[in-house]
């Protein structure tokens, strides 16, 4: 499956990539990884999921951004 089928992970990635959170031109590892998660196909996304789960714990998203992303779903 792709990230769009995992709503919590999608909300996290979109919350981290939102322009208010991520400065324009930011080339951080987390930002680049989140973009890779959004672009991954069904085979490759499954490989990324364990790493994304670890990053979600290490770098929690802003709760307000997560709430906004969940409402947008």
Protein backbone atom coordinates (compact mmCIF):
# COMPACT_ATOMS: atom_id res chain seq x y z
CA UNK A 1 0.00 0.00 0.00
CA UNK A 2 0.96 3.65 -0.27
CA UNK A 3 0.96 6.32 2.42
CA UNK A 4 -2.53 7.54 1.52
CA UNK A 5 -3.91 4.34 3.07
CA UNK A 6 -2.23 5.08 6.44
CA UNK A 7 -4.00 8.20 7.67
CA UNK A 8 -1.91 8.80 10.82
CA UNK A 9 1.32 8.57 8.85
CA UNK A 10 -0.07 10.80 6.11
CA UNK A 11 -1.15 13.43 8.64
CA UNK A 12 2.32 13.36 10.21
CA UNK A 13 4.13 13.73 6.88
CA UNK A 14 1.83 16.52 5.67
CA UNK A 15 2.13 18.26 9.03
CA UNK A 16 5.92 18.14 8.90
CA UNK A 17 5.98 19.38 5.30
CA UNK A 18 3.51 22.22 5.79
CA UNK A 19 5.03 25.59 4.83
CA UNK A 20 4.47 26.97 8.33
CA UNK A 21 6.55 24.15 9.79
CA UNK A 22 9.22 23.74 7.13
CA UNK A 23 11.18 26.77 5.99
CA UNK A 24 11.31 27.35 2.26
CA UNK A 25 14.35 25.67 0.81
CA UNK A 26 14.80 23.44 3.86
CA UNK A 27 16.92 20.45 2.89
CA UNK A 28 16.70 18.61 6.20
CA UNK A 29 16.84 14.85 6.41
CA UNK A 30 13.34 14.68 7.91
CA UNK A 31 11.86 16.86 5.18
CA UNK A 32 13.56 14.89 2.43
CA UNK A 33 12.46 11.61 3.99
CA UNK A 34 8.85 12.81 4.26
CA UNK A 35 8.89 13.76 0.58
CA UNK A 36 10.23 10.30 -0.24
CA UNK A 37 7.34 8.75 1.70
CA UNK A 38 4.83 10.76 -0.30
CA UNK A 39 6.45 9.75 -3.59
CA UNK A 40 7.05 6.06 -2.83
CA UNK A 41 5.09 3.45 -4.75
CA UNK A 42 3.26 0.57 -3.08
CA UNK A 43 6.34 -1.66 -2.90
CA UNK A 44 8.81 0.94 -1.67
CA UNK A 45 6.55 2.62 0.86
CA UNK A 46 6.31 -0.61 2.85
CA UNK A 47 10.11 -0.51 3.16
CA UNK A 48 9.99 3.06 4.49
CA UNK A 49 7.25 2.51 7.10
CA UNK A 50 9.47 1.20 9.93
CA UNK A 51 11.84 4.14 9.56
CA UNK A 52 8.93 6.58 9.44
CA UNK A 53 7.50 5.08 12.63
CA UNK A 54 10.84 5.63 14.39
CA UNK A 55 11.07 9.21 13.11
CA UNK A 56 7.51 9.93 14.27
CA UNK A 57 8.61 9.02 17.80
CA UNK A 58 11.92 10.88 17.67
CA UNK A 59 10.54 14.03 16.00
CA UNK A 60 6.91 14.43 17.08
CA UNK A 61 4.79 16.71 14.96
CA UNK A 62 3.13 19.83 16.28
CA UNK A 63 -0.22 18.68 17.75
CA UNK A 64 -2.04 21.67 16.23
CA UNK A 65 -0.69 20.84 12.75
CA UNK A 66 -1.70 17.21 13.17
CA UNK A 67 -5.22 18.22 14.17
CA UNK A 68 -5.47 20.45 11.09
CA UNK A 69 -4.24 17.67 8.81
CA UNK A 70 -6.72 15.21 10.29
CA UNK A 71 -9.57 17.66 9.74
CA UNK A 72 -8.50 18.07 6.10
CA UNK A 73 -8.88 14.33 5.52
